[in-house]
Structure formats: structure tokens, C-alpha cells
Amino acid sequence: MIIGPFMPRYGAGQTVATSTSSGSTTIGAGNKVLRLQNLDGTNIIYVRTSQGASTATTADILLRPNQGILIQKDMDHDTVSHIAAAGTPNLRIEPGEAGV
């Protein structure tokens, strides 16, 4: 359970355009937490983390419009895969750590 503040890995954040086809973004291994933000006011994004590229589906973590969340991930996971339900919403990905 994450209960402490989020501590970003400065200089490692990225904003990526998603689409209705699965895409992948390399984030680098080593961090245990990601802050994910759906920057779109209308469309849903689904995400998953993995070691190497994988395919995101609508069965993965859901980000509602304008939603931001923190998720824990495996230290070896170096990729975020993403897919939009519609449109091309932007996804903000920020690796870091969180206190407990």
C-alpha cells in the first residue's frame, strides 16, 4: 500500500500520444512507482507495465478522462503499454518512488 508522498525521478517524465492501437513507451527499469495521468478530458486510456514491449488491452488499468493515479510496478518493468478507447489522448508517465 502506498501511503507516503510521490518522489519523481526528475528528468524522466514523458508525455505520449495514445491511439486505438496498442503502443509502448520505454520508461527504464529501477523505479517501483509510476504516476500516470490521462491528460484528455473525454477519452479513456488503458495501461499495463512489462519487461519489454507488450500489448495493452481494455482489461488493463483504466485511466478515466483527466484522472491521475499512482501504481506500483515490478522493478524490472521498463515499459508502459497503452491503448485508448477512442481518439488520441495524451498520457503523462512519471517514474519515481513513494514512501510508506
PDB file of N, CA and C in Angstrom:
ATOM      1  N   MET A   1       0.841  -1.173   0.000  1.00  0.00           N
ATOM      2  CA  MET A   1       0.000   0.000   0.000  1.00  0.00           C
ATOM      3  C   MET A   1       0.890   1.241   0.000  1.00  0.00           C
ATOM      4  N   ILE A   2       0.632   2.177  -0.874  1.00  0.00           N
ATOM      5  CA  ILE A   2       1.369   3.429  -0.939  1.00  0.00           C
ATOM      6  C   ILE A   2       0.655   4.444  -0.053  1.00  0.00           C
ATOM      7  N   ILE A   3       1.383   4.961   0.949  1.00  0.00           N
ATOM      8  CA  ILE A   3       0.758   5.974   1.795  1.00  0.00           C
ATOM      9  C   ILE A   3       1.593   7.247   1.903  1.00  0.00           C
ATOM     10  N   GLY A   4       2.839   7.205   1.451  1.00  0.00           N
ATOM     11  CA  GLY A   4       3.704   8.366   1.532  1.00  0.00           C
ATOM     12  C   GLY A   4       3.642   9.209   0.280  1.00  0.00           C
ATOM     13  N   PRO A   5       4.406  10.306   0.269  1.00  0.00           N
ATOM     14  CA  PRO A   5       4.407  11.184  -0.902  1.00  0.00           C
ATOM     15  C   PRO A   5       5.134  10.558  -2.088  1.00  0.00           C
ATOM     16  N   PHE A   6       4.753  10.972  -3.281  1.00  0.00           N
ATOM     17  CA  PHE A   6       5.414  10.522  -4.501  1.00  0.00           C
ATOM     18  C   PHE A   6       6.680  11.340  -4.701  1.00  0.00           C
ATOM     19  N   MET A   7       7.789  10.659  -4.993  1.00  0.00           N
ATOM     20  CA  MET A   7       9.070  11.302  -5.245  1.00  0.00           C
ATOM     21  C   MET A   7       9.477  11.003  -6.682  1.00  0.00           C
ATOM     22  N   PRO A   8       9.277  11.938  -7.615  1.00  0.00           N
ATOM     23  CA  PRO A   8       9.550  11.667  -9.027  1.00  0.00           C
ATOM     24  C   PRO A   8      11.043  11.521  -9.307  1.00  0.00           C
ATOM     25  N   ARG A   9      11.361  10.779 -10.362  1.00  0.00           N
ATOM     26  CA  ARG A   9      12.727  10.732 -10.886  1.00  0.00           C
ATOM     27  C   ARG A   9      12.822  11.894 -11.871  1.00  0.00           C
ATOM     28  N   TYR A  10      13.344  13.013 -11.415  1.00  0.00           N
ATOM     29  CA  TYR A  10      13.368  14.234 -12.217  1.00  0.00           C
ATOM     30  C   TYR A  10      14.057  14.013 -13.556  1.00  0.00           C
ATOM     31  N   GLY A  11      13.468  14.574 -14.606  1.00  0.00           N
ATOM     32  CA  GLY A  11      14.003  14.456 -15.952  1.00  0.00           C
ATOM     33  C   GLY A  11      13.579  13.195 -16.684  1.00  0.00           C
ATOM     34  N   ALA A  12      12.789  12.324 -16.020  1.00  0.00           N
ATOM     35  CA  ALA A  12      12.401  11.062 -16.648  1.00  0.00           C
ATOM     36  C   ALA A  12      10.939  11.040 -17.093  1.00  0.00           C
ATOM     37  N   GLY A  13      10.169  12.079 -16.800  1.00  0.00           N
ATOM     38  CA  GLY A  13       8.760  12.104 -17.194  1.00  0.00           C
ATOM     39  C   GLY A  13       8.603  12.280 -18.698  1.00  0.00           C
ATOM     40  N   GLN A  14       7.533  11.703 -19.237  1.00  0.00           N
ATOM     41  CA  GLN A  14       7.246  11.799 -20.672  1.00  0.00           C
ATOM     42  C   GLN A  14       5.748  11.974 -20.887  1.00  0.00           C
ATOM     43  N   THR A  15       5.410  12.691 -21.928  1.00  0.00           N
ATOM     44  CA  THR A  15       4.026  12.777 -22.376  1.00  0.00           C
ATOM     45  C   THR A  15       3.963  12.116 -23.742  1.00  0.00           C
ATOM     46  N   VAL A  16       3.076  11.124 -23.878  1.00  0.00           N
ATOM     47  CA  VAL A  16       2.973  10.380 -25.134  1.00  0.00           C
ATOM     48  C   VAL A  16       1.545  10.411 -25.646  1.00  0.00           C
ATOM     49  N   ALA A  17       1.401  10.403 -26.959  1.00  0.00           N
ATOM     50  CA  ALA A  17       0.076  10.316 -27.583  1.00  0.00           C
ATOM     51  C   ALA A  17      -0.301   8.846 -27.674  1.00  0.00           C
ATOM     52  N   THR A  18      -1.517   8.522 -27.268  1.00  0.00           N
ATOM     53  CA  THR A  18      -2.009   7.159 -27.398  1.00  0.00           C
ATOM     54  C   THR A  18      -2.939   7.084 -28.603  1.00  0.00           C
ATOM     55  N   SER A  19      -3.347   5.893 -28.954  1.00  0.00           N
ATOM     56  CA  SER A  19      -4.303   5.717 -30.047  1.00  0.00           C
ATOM     57  C   SER A  19      -5.115   4.459 -29.779  1.00  0.00           C
ATOM     58  N   THR A  20      -6.002   4.130 -30.679  1.00  0.00           N
ATOM     59  CA  THR A  20      -6.828   2.940 -30.518  1.00  0.00           C
ATOM     60  C   THR A  20      -6.094   1.653 -30.894  1.00  0.00           C
ATOM     61  N   SER A  21      -4.819   1.774 -31.244  1.00  0.00           N
ATOM     62  CA  SER A  21      -3.931   0.629 -31.416  1.00  0.00           C
ATOM     63  C   SER A  21      -2.940   0.641 -30.263  1.00  0.00           C
ATOM     64  N   SER A  22      -2.614  -0.523 -29.731  1.00  0.00           N
ATOM     65  CA  SER A  22      -1.691  -0.583 -28.601  1.00  0.00           C
ATOM     66  C   SER A  22      -0.320  -0.039 -28.991  1.00  0.00           C
ATOM     67  N   GLY A  23       0.261   0.754 -28.104  1.00  0.00           N
ATOM     68  CA  GLY A  23       1.605   1.278 -28.287  1.00  0.00           C
ATOM     69  C   GLY A  23       2.395   1.088 -27.008  1.00  0.00           C
ATOM     70  N   SER A  24       3.711   1.219 -27.079  1.00  0.00           N
ATOM     71  CA  SER A  24       4.573   1.040 -25.917  1.00  0.00           C
ATOM     72  C   SER A  24       5.533   2.204 -25.780  1.00  0.00           C
ATOM     73  N   THR A  25       5.852   2.548 -24.541  1.00  0.00           N
ATOM     74  CA  THR A  25       6.793   3.614 -24.231  1.00  0.00           C
ATOM     75  C   THR A  25       7.817   3.085 -23.238  1.00  0.00           C
ATOM     76  N   THR A  26       9.098   3.240 -23.546  1.00  0.00           N
ATOM     77  CA  THR A  26      10.162   2.798 -22.647  1.00  0.00           C
ATOM     78  C   THR A  26      10.327   3.813 -21.522  1.00  0.00           C
ATOM     79  N   ILE A  27      10.333   3.320 -20.284  1.00  0.00           N
ATOM     80  CA  ILE A  27      10.461   4.189 -19.114  1.00  0.00           C
ATOM     81  C   ILE A  27      11.730   3.910 -18.326  1.00  0.00           C
ATOM     82  N   GLY A  28      12.413   2.810 -18.625  1.00  0.00           N
ATOM     83  CA  GLY A  28      13.603   2.428 -17.875  1.00  0.00           C
ATOM     84  C   GLY A  28      13.219   1.654 -16.619  1.00  0.00           C
ATOM     85  N   ALA A  29      14.050   0.710 -16.258  1.00  0.00           N
ATOM     86  CA  ALA A  29      13.812  -0.105 -15.073  1.00  0.00           C
ATOM     87  C   ALA A  29      14.349   0.624 -13.834  1.00  0.00           C
ATOM     88  N   GLY A  30      13.994   0.102 -12.677  1.00  0.00           N
ATOM     89  CA  GLY A  30      14.596   0.606 -11.448  1.00  0.00           C
ATOM     90  C   GLY A  30      13.655   1.318 -10.504  1.00  0.00           C
ATOM     91  N   ASN A  31      12.624   1.935 -10.982  1.00  0.00           N
ATOM     92  CA  ASN A  31      11.684   2.603 -10.084  1.00  0.00           C
ATOM     93  C   ASN A  31      10.508   1.684  -9.778  1.00  0.00           C
ATOM     94  N   LYS A  32       9.955   1.828  -8.569  1.00  0.00           N
ATOM     95  CA  LYS A  32       8.864   0.963  -8.136  1.00  0.00           C
ATOM     96  C   LYS A  32       7.485   1.568  -8.352  1.00  0.00           C
ATOM     97  N   VAL A  33       7.419   2.873  -8.613  1.00  0.00           N
ATOM     98  CA  VAL A  33       6.124   3.541  -8.698  1.00  0.00           C
ATOM     99  C   VAL A  33       6.058   4.393  -9.966  1.00  0.00           C
ATOM    100  N   LEU A  34       4.877   4.449 -10.561  1.00  0.00           N
ATOM    101  CA  LEU A  34       4.616   5.344 -11.691  1.00  0.00           C
ATOM    102  C   LEU A  34       3.441   6.243 -11.336  1.00  0.00           C
ATOM    103  N   ARG A  35       3.567   7.509 -11.686  1.00  0.00           N
ATOM    104  CA  ARG A  35       2.409   8.407 -11.653  1.00  0.00           C
ATOM    105  C   ARG A  35       1.938   8.502 -13.094  1.00  0.00           C
ATOM    106  N   LEU A  36       0.691   8.117 -13.338  1.00  0.00           N
ATOM    107  CA  LEU A  36       0.102   8.124 -14.677  1.00  0.00           C
ATOM    108  C   LEU A  36      -1.043   9.117 -14.693  1.00  0.00           C
ATOM    109  N   GLN A  37      -1.088   9.949 -15.724  1.00  0.00           N
ATOM    110  CA  GLN A  37      -2.147  10.945 -15.839  1.00  0.00           C
ATOM    111  C   GLN A  37      -2.718  10.925 -17.250  1.00  0.00           C
ATOM    112  N   ASN A  38      -4.031  10.786 -17.327  1.00  0.00           N
ATOM    113  CA  ASN A  38      -4.734  10.914 -18.600  1.00  0.00           C
ATOM    114  C   ASN A  38      -5.005  12.405 -18.790  1.00  0.00           C
ATOM    115  N   LEU A  39      -4.371  13.028 -19.756  1.00  0.00           N
ATOM    116  CA  LEU A  39      -4.476  14.470 -19.966  1.00  0.00           C
ATOM    117  C   LEU A  39      -5.664  14.866 -20.838  1.00  0.00           C
ATOM    118  N   ASP A  40      -6.476  13.887 -21.220  1.00  0.00           N
ATOM    119  CA  ASP A  40      -7.621  14.139 -22.087  1.00  0.00           C
ATOM    120  C   ASP A  40      -8.893  14.288 -21.252  1.00  0.00           C
ATOM    121  N   GLY A  41      -9.755  15.179 -21.646  1.00  0.00           N
ATOM    122  CA  GLY A  41     -10.998  15.416 -20.922  1.00  0.00           C
ATOM    123  C   GLY A  41     -12.159  14.547 -21.368  1.00  0.00           C
ATOM    124  N   THR A  42     -11.959  13.686 -22.366  1.00  0.00           N
ATOM    125  CA  THR A  42     -13.064  12.919 -22.930  1.00  0.00           C
ATOM    126  C   THR A  42     -12.816  11.418 -22.985  1.00  0.00           C
ATOM    127  N   ASN A  43     -11.619  11.005 -23.363  1.00  0.00           N
ATOM    128  CA  ASN A  43     -11.363   9.604 -23.706  1.00  0.00           C
ATOM    129  C   ASN A  43     -10.636   8.834 -22.611  1.00  0.00           C
ATOM    130  N   ILE A  44     -10.915   7.538 -22.546  1.00  0.00           N
ATOM    131  CA  ILE A  44     -10.307   6.620 -21.584  1.00  0.00           C
ATOM    132  C   ILE A  44      -9.025   6.040 -22.171  1.00  0.00           C
ATOM    133  N   ILE A  45      -8.047   5.795 -21.287  1.00  0.00           N
ATOM    134  CA  ILE A  45      -6.797   5.123 -21.657  1.00  0.00           C
ATOM    135  C   ILE A  45      -6.645   3.900 -20.757  1.00  0.00           C
ATOM    136  N   TYR A  46      -6.123   2.800 -21.319  1.00  0.00           N
ATOM    137  CA  TYR A  46      -5.792   1.602 -20.556  1.00  0.00           C
ATOM    138  C   TYR A  46      -4.282   1.416 -20.613  1.00  0.00           C
ATOM    139  N   VAL A  47      -3.670   1.004 -19.476  1.00  0.00           N
ATOM    140  CA  VAL A  47      -2.215   0.846 -19.421  1.00  0.00           C
ATOM    141  C   VAL A  47      -1.829  -0.441 -18.703  1.00  0.00           C
ATOM    142  N   ARG A  48      -0.620  -0.906 -19.002  1.00  0.00           N
ATOM    143  CA  ARG A  48      -0.007  -2.018 -18.274  1.00  0.00           C
ATOM    144  C   ARG A  48       1.502  -1.815 -18.312  1.00  0.00           C
ATOM    145  N   THR A  49       2.215  -2.355 -17.337  1.00  0.00           N
ATOM    146  CA  THR A  49       3.674  -2.310 -17.347  1.00  0.00           C
ATOM    147  C   THR A  49       4.201  -3.702 -17.665  1.00  0.00           C
ATOM    148  N   SER A  50       5.419  -3.739 -18.186  1.00  0.00           N
ATOM    149  CA  SER A  50       6.022  -5.029 -18.532  1.00  0.00           C
ATOM    150  C   SER A  50       7.524  -4.865 -18.686  1.00  0.00           C
ATOM    151  N   GLN A  51       8.199  -5.997 -18.775  1.00  0.00           N
ATOM    152  CA  GLN A  51       9.619  -6.008 -19.125  1.00  0.00           C
ATOM    153  C   GLN A  51       9.663  -6.221 -20.626  1.00  0.00           C
ATOM    154  N   GLY A  52       9.983  -5.179 -21.358  1.00  0.00           N
ATOM    155  CA  GLY A  52       9.909  -5.216 -22.808  1.00  0.00           C
ATOM    156  C   GLY A  52       8.499  -4.899 -23.266  1.00  0.00           C
ATOM    157  N   ALA A  53       8.334  -4.768 -24.557  1.00  0.00           N
ATOM    158  CA  ALA A  53       7.039  -4.380 -25.123  1.00  0.00           C
ATOM    159  C   ALA A  53       5.982  -5.458 -24.885  1.00  0.00           C
ATOM    160  N   SER A  54       4.758  -5.004 -24.667  1.00  0.00           N
ATOM    161  CA  SER A  54       3.615  -5.898 -24.543  1.00  0.00           C
ATOM    162  C   SER A  54       2.425  -5.195 -25.191  1.00  0.00           C
ATOM    163  N   THR A  55       1.301  -5.852 -25.221  1.00  0.00           N
ATOM    164  CA  THR A  55       0.110  -5.287 -25.840  1.00  0.00           C
ATOM    165  C   THR A  55      -0.892  -4.901 -24.761  1.00  0.00           C
ATOM    166  N   ALA A  56      -1.273  -3.632 -24.707  1.00  0.00           N
ATOM    167  CA  ALA A  56      -2.304  -3.179 -23.776  1.00  0.00           C
ATOM    168  C   ALA A  56      -3.675  -3.543 -24.321  1.00  0.00           C
ATOM    169  N   THR A  57      -4.596  -3.857 -23.402  1.00  0.00           N
ATOM    170  CA  THR A  57      -5.972  -4.188 -23.784  1.00  0.00           C
ATOM    171  C   THR A  57      -6.931  -3.468 -22.846  1.00  0.00           C
ATOM    172  N   THR A  58      -8.203  -3.574 -23.143  1.00  0.00           N
ATOM    173  CA  THR A  58      -9.221  -2.955 -22.287  1.00  0.00           C
ATOM    174  C   THR A  58      -9.400  -3.714 -20.980  1.00  0.00           C
ATOM    175  N   ALA A  59      -8.656  -4.775 -20.757  1.00  0.00           N
ATOM    176  CA  ALA A  59      -8.670  -5.500 -19.489  1.00  0.00           C
ATOM    177  C   ALA A  59      -7.610  -4.975 -18.521  1.00  0.00           C
ATOM    178  N   ASP A  60      -6.817  -3.987 -18.943  1.00  0.00           N
ATOM    179  CA  ASP A  60      -5.725  -3.456 -18.124  1.00  0.00           C
ATOM    180  C   ASP A  60      -6.183  -2.289 -17.253  1.00  0.00           C
ATOM    181  N   ILE A  61      -5.246  -1.589 -16.637  1.00  0.00           N
ATOM    182  CA  ILE A  61      -5.555  -0.487 -15.718  1.00  0.00           C
ATOM    183  C   ILE A  61      -6.231   0.638 -16.480  1.00  0.00           C
ATOM    184  N   LEU A  62      -7.373   1.074 -15.991  1.00  0.00           N
ATOM    185  CA  LEU A  62      -8.178   2.099 -16.644  1.00  0.00           C
ATOM    186  C   LEU A  62      -7.853   3.478 -16.071  1.00  0.00           C
ATOM    187  N   LEU A  63      -7.615   4.429 -16.961  1.00  0.00           N
ATOM    188  CA  LEU A  63      -7.453   5.839 -16.587  1.00  0.00           C
ATOM    189  C   LEU A  63      -8.604   6.618 -17.198  1.00  0.00           C
ATOM    190  N   ARG A  64      -9.474   7.122 -16.356  1.00  0.00           N
ATOM    191  CA  ARG A  64     -10.608   7.917 -16.822  1.00  0.00           C
ATOM    192  C   ARG A  64     -10.117   9.278 -17.322  1.00  0.00           C
ATOM    193  N   PRO A  65     -10.937  10.006 -18.050  1.00  0.00           N
ATOM    194  CA  PRO A  65     -10.545  11.341 -18.507  1.00  0.00           C
ATOM    195  C   PRO A  65     -10.087  12.225 -17.338  1.00  0.00           C
ATOM    196  N   ASN A  66      -8.973  12.898 -17.513  1.00  0.00           N
ATOM    197  CA  ASN A  66      -8.376  13.807 -16.532  1.00  0.00           C
ATOM    198  C   ASN A  66      -7.956  13.130 -15.230  1.00  0.00           C
ATOM    199  N   GLN A  67      -7.878  11.811 -15.201  1.00  0.00           N
ATOM    200  CA  GLN A  67      -7.523  11.100 -13.979  1.00  0.00           C
ATOM    201  C   GLN A  67      -6.020  10.929 -13.869  1.00  0.00           C
ATOM    202  N   GLY A  68      -5.505  11.028 -12.653  1.00  0.00           N
ATOM    203  CA  GLY A  68      -4.122  10.712 -12.340  1.00  0.00           C
ATOM    204  C   GLY A  68      -4.087   9.678 -11.231  1.00  0.00           C
ATOM    205  N   ILE A  69      -3.197   8.691 -11.344  1.00  0.00           N
ATOM    206  CA  ILE A  69      -3.084   7.651 -10.333  1.00  0.00           C
ATOM    207  C   ILE A  69      -1.614   7.308 -10.101  1.00  0.00           C
ATOM    208  N   LEU A  70      -1.332   6.693  -8.963  1.00  0.00           N
ATOM    209  CA  LEU A  70      -0.034   6.097  -8.687  1.00  0.00           C
ATOM    210  C   LEU A  70      -0.214   4.593  -8.732  1.00  0.00           C
ATOM    211  N   ILE A  71       0.719   3.900  -9.388  1.00  0.00           N
ATOM    212  CA  ILE A  71       0.700   2.438  -9.377  1.00  0.00           C
ATOM    213  C   ILE A  71       2.078   1.926  -9.000  1.00  0.00           C
ATOM    214  N   GLN A  72       2.108   0.791  -8.321  1.00  0.00           N
ATOM    215  CA  GLN A  72       3.364   0.113  -8.067  1.00  0.00           C
ATOM    216  C   GLN A  72       3.628  -0.827  -9.224  1.00  0.00           C
ATOM    217  N   LYS A  73       4.909  -1.019  -9.526  1.00  0.00           N
ATOM    218  CA  LYS A  73       5.278  -1.926 -10.607  1.00  0.00           C
ATOM    219  C   LYS A  73       6.499  -2.727 -10.212  1.00  0.00           C
ATOM    220  N   ASP A  74       6.750  -3.796 -10.913  1.00  0.00           N
ATOM    221  CA  ASP A  74       7.944  -4.592 -10.704  1.00  0.00           C
ATOM    222  C   ASP A  74       9.164  -3.744 -11.058  1.00  0.00           C
ATOM    223  N   MET A  75      10.227  -3.831 -10.277  1.00  0.00           N
ATOM    224  CA  MET A  75      11.444  -3.047 -10.523  1.00  0.00           C
ATOM    225  C   MET A  75      12.034  -3.311 -11.910  1.00  0.00           C
ATOM    226  N   ASP A  76      11.834  -4.520 -12.452  1.00  0.00           N
ATOM    227  CA  ASP A  76      12.387  -4.880 -13.757  1.00  0.00           C
ATOM    228  C   ASP A  76      11.536  -4.392 -14.925  1.00  0.00           C
ATOM    229  N   HIS A  77      10.318  -3.963 -14.654  1.00  0.00           N
ATOM    230  CA  HIS A  77       9.457  -3.479 -15.744  1.00  0.00           C
ATOM    231  C   HIS A  77       9.999  -2.155 -16.259  1.00  0.00           C
ATOM    232  N   ASP A  78      10.232  -2.103 -17.565  1.00  0.00           N
ATOM    233  CA  ASP A  78      10.844  -0.929 -18.181  1.00  0.00           C
ATOM    234  C   ASP A  78       9.988  -0.315 -19.280  1.00  0.00           C
ATOM    235  N   THR A  79       8.743  -0.797 -19.405  1.00  0.00           N
ATOM    236  CA  THR A  79       7.876  -0.364 -20.493  1.00  0.00           C
ATOM    237  C   THR A  79       6.449  -0.148 -19.995  1.00  0.00           C
ATOM    238  N   VAL A  80       5.802   0.887 -20.512  1.00  0.00           N
ATOM    239  CA  VAL A  80       4.370   1.094 -20.296  1.00  0.00           C
ATOM    240  C   VAL A  80       3.689   0.922 -21.643  1.00  0.00           C
ATOM    241  N   SER A  81       2.752  -0.014 -21.711  1.00  0.00           N
ATOM    242  CA  SER A  81       1.942  -0.185 -22.917  1.00  0.00           C
ATOM    243  C   SER A  81       0.616   0.509 -22.687  1.00  0.00           C
ATOM    244  N   HIS A  82       0.049   1.087 -23.749  1.00  0.00           N
ATOM    245  CA  HIS A  82      -1.148   1.909 -23.609  1.00  0.00           C
ATOM    246  C   HIS A  82      -2.026   1.794 -24.837  1.00  0.00           C
ATOM    247  N   ILE A  83      -3.328   1.965 -24.601  1.00  0.00           N
ATOM    248  CA  ILE A  83      -4.299   1.961 -25.697  1.00  0.00           C
ATOM    249  C   ILE A  83      -5.455   2.864 -25.282  1.00  0.00           C
ATOM    250  N   ALA A  84      -5.979   3.612 -26.221  1.00  0.00           N
ATOM    251  CA  ALA A  84      -7.115   4.497 -25.962  1.00  0.00           C
ATOM    252  C   ALA A  84      -8.405   3.828 -26.397  1.00  0.00           C
ATOM    253  N   ALA A  85      -9.484   4.100 -25.665  1.00  0.00           N
ATOM    254  CA  ALA A  85     -10.795   3.590 -26.065  1.00  0.00           C
ATOM    255  C   ALA A  85     -11.267   4.288 -27.339  1.00  0.00           C
ATOM    256  N   ALA A  86     -10.885   5.566 -27.500  1.00  0.00           N
ATOM    257  CA  ALA A  86     -11.227   6.360 -28.691  1.00  0.00           C
ATOM    258  C   ALA A  86     -10.275   7.547 -28.744  1.00  0.00           C
ATOM    259  N   GLY A  87     -10.133   8.117 -29.912  1.00  0.00           N
ATOM    260  CA  GLY A  87      -9.321   9.322 -30.061  1.00  0.00           C
ATOM    261  C   GLY A  87      -7.837   9.077 -29.881  1.00  0.00           C
ATOM    262  N   THR A  88      -7.125  10.168 -29.567  1.00  0.00           N
ATOM    263  CA  THR A  88      -5.668  10.118 -29.365  1.00  0.00           C
ATOM    264  C   THR A  88      -5.291  10.893 -28.105  1.00  0.00           C
ATOM    265  N   PRO A  89      -5.791  10.472 -26.949  1.00  0.00           N
ATOM    266  CA  PRO A  89      -5.493  11.198 -25.719  1.00  0.00           C
ATOM    267  C   PRO A  89      -4.016  11.110 -25.342  1.00  0.00           C
ATOM    268  N   ASN A  90      -3.513  12.173 -24.718  1.00  0.00           N
ATOM    269  CA  ASN A  90      -2.145  12.173 -24.230  1.00  0.00           C
ATOM    270  C   ASN A  90      -2.074  11.542 -22.848  1.00  0.00           C
ATOM    271  N   LEU A  91      -1.000  10.788 -22.625  1.00  0.00           N
ATOM    272  CA  LEU A  91      -0.730  10.111 -21.360  1.00  0.00           C
ATOM    273  C   LEU A  91       0.570  10.651 -20.790  1.00  0.00           C
ATOM    274  N   ARG A  92       0.540  11.098 -19.545  1.00  0.00           N
ATOM    275  CA  ARG A  92       1.745  11.553 -18.849  1.00  0.00           C
ATOM    276  C   ARG A  92       2.241  10.402 -17.989  1.00  0.00           C
ATOM    277  N   ILE A  93       3.535  10.054 -18.128  1.00  0.00           N
ATOM    278  CA  ILE A  93       4.156   8.951 -17.395  1.00  0.00           C
ATOM    279  C   ILE A  93       5.328   9.526 -16.610  1.00  0.00           C
ATOM    280  N   GLU A  94       5.310   9.342 -15.288  1.00  0.00           N
ATOM    281  CA  GLU A  94       6.389   9.841 -14.433  1.00  0.00           C
ATOM    282  C   GLU A  94       6.839   8.735 -13.493  1.00  0.00           C
ATOM    283  N   PRO A  95       8.048   8.167 -13.706  1.00  0.00           N
ATOM    284  CA  PRO A  95       8.570   7.157 -12.788  1.00  0.00           C
ATOM    285  C   PRO A  95       9.085   7.811 -11.510  1.00  0.00           C
ATOM    286  N   GLY A  96       9.086   7.036 -10.428  1.00  0.00           N
ATOM    287  CA  GLY A  96       9.599   7.545  -9.166  1.00  0.00           C
ATOM    288  C   GLY A  96       9.452   6.520  -8.058  1.00  0.00           C
ATOM    289  N   GLU A  97       9.397   7.021  -6.840  1.00  0.00           N
ATOM    290  CA  GLU A  97       9.245   6.204  -5.648  1.00  0.00           C
ATOM    291  C   GLU A  97       8.195   6.828  -4.751  1.00  0.00           C
ATOM    292  N   ALA A  98       7.721   6.060  -3.790  1.00  0.00           N
ATOM    293  CA  ALA A  98       6.763   6.576  -2.814  1.00  0.00           C
ATOM    294  C   ALA A  98       7.157   6.041  -1.450  1.00  0.00           C
ATOM    295  N   GLY A  99       6.987   6.898  -0.450  1.00  0.00           N
ATOM    296  CA  GLY A  99       7.272   6.470   0.922  1.00  0.00           C
ATOM    297  C   GLY A  99       6.151   5.590   1.445  1.00  0.00           C
ATOM    298  N   VAL A 100       6.456   4.840   2.505  1.00  0.00           N
ATOM    299  CA  VAL A 100       5.424   4.008   3.121  1.00  0.00           C
ATOM    300  C   VAL A 100       5.245   4.379   4.582  1.00  0.00           C
TER     301      VAL A 100
END
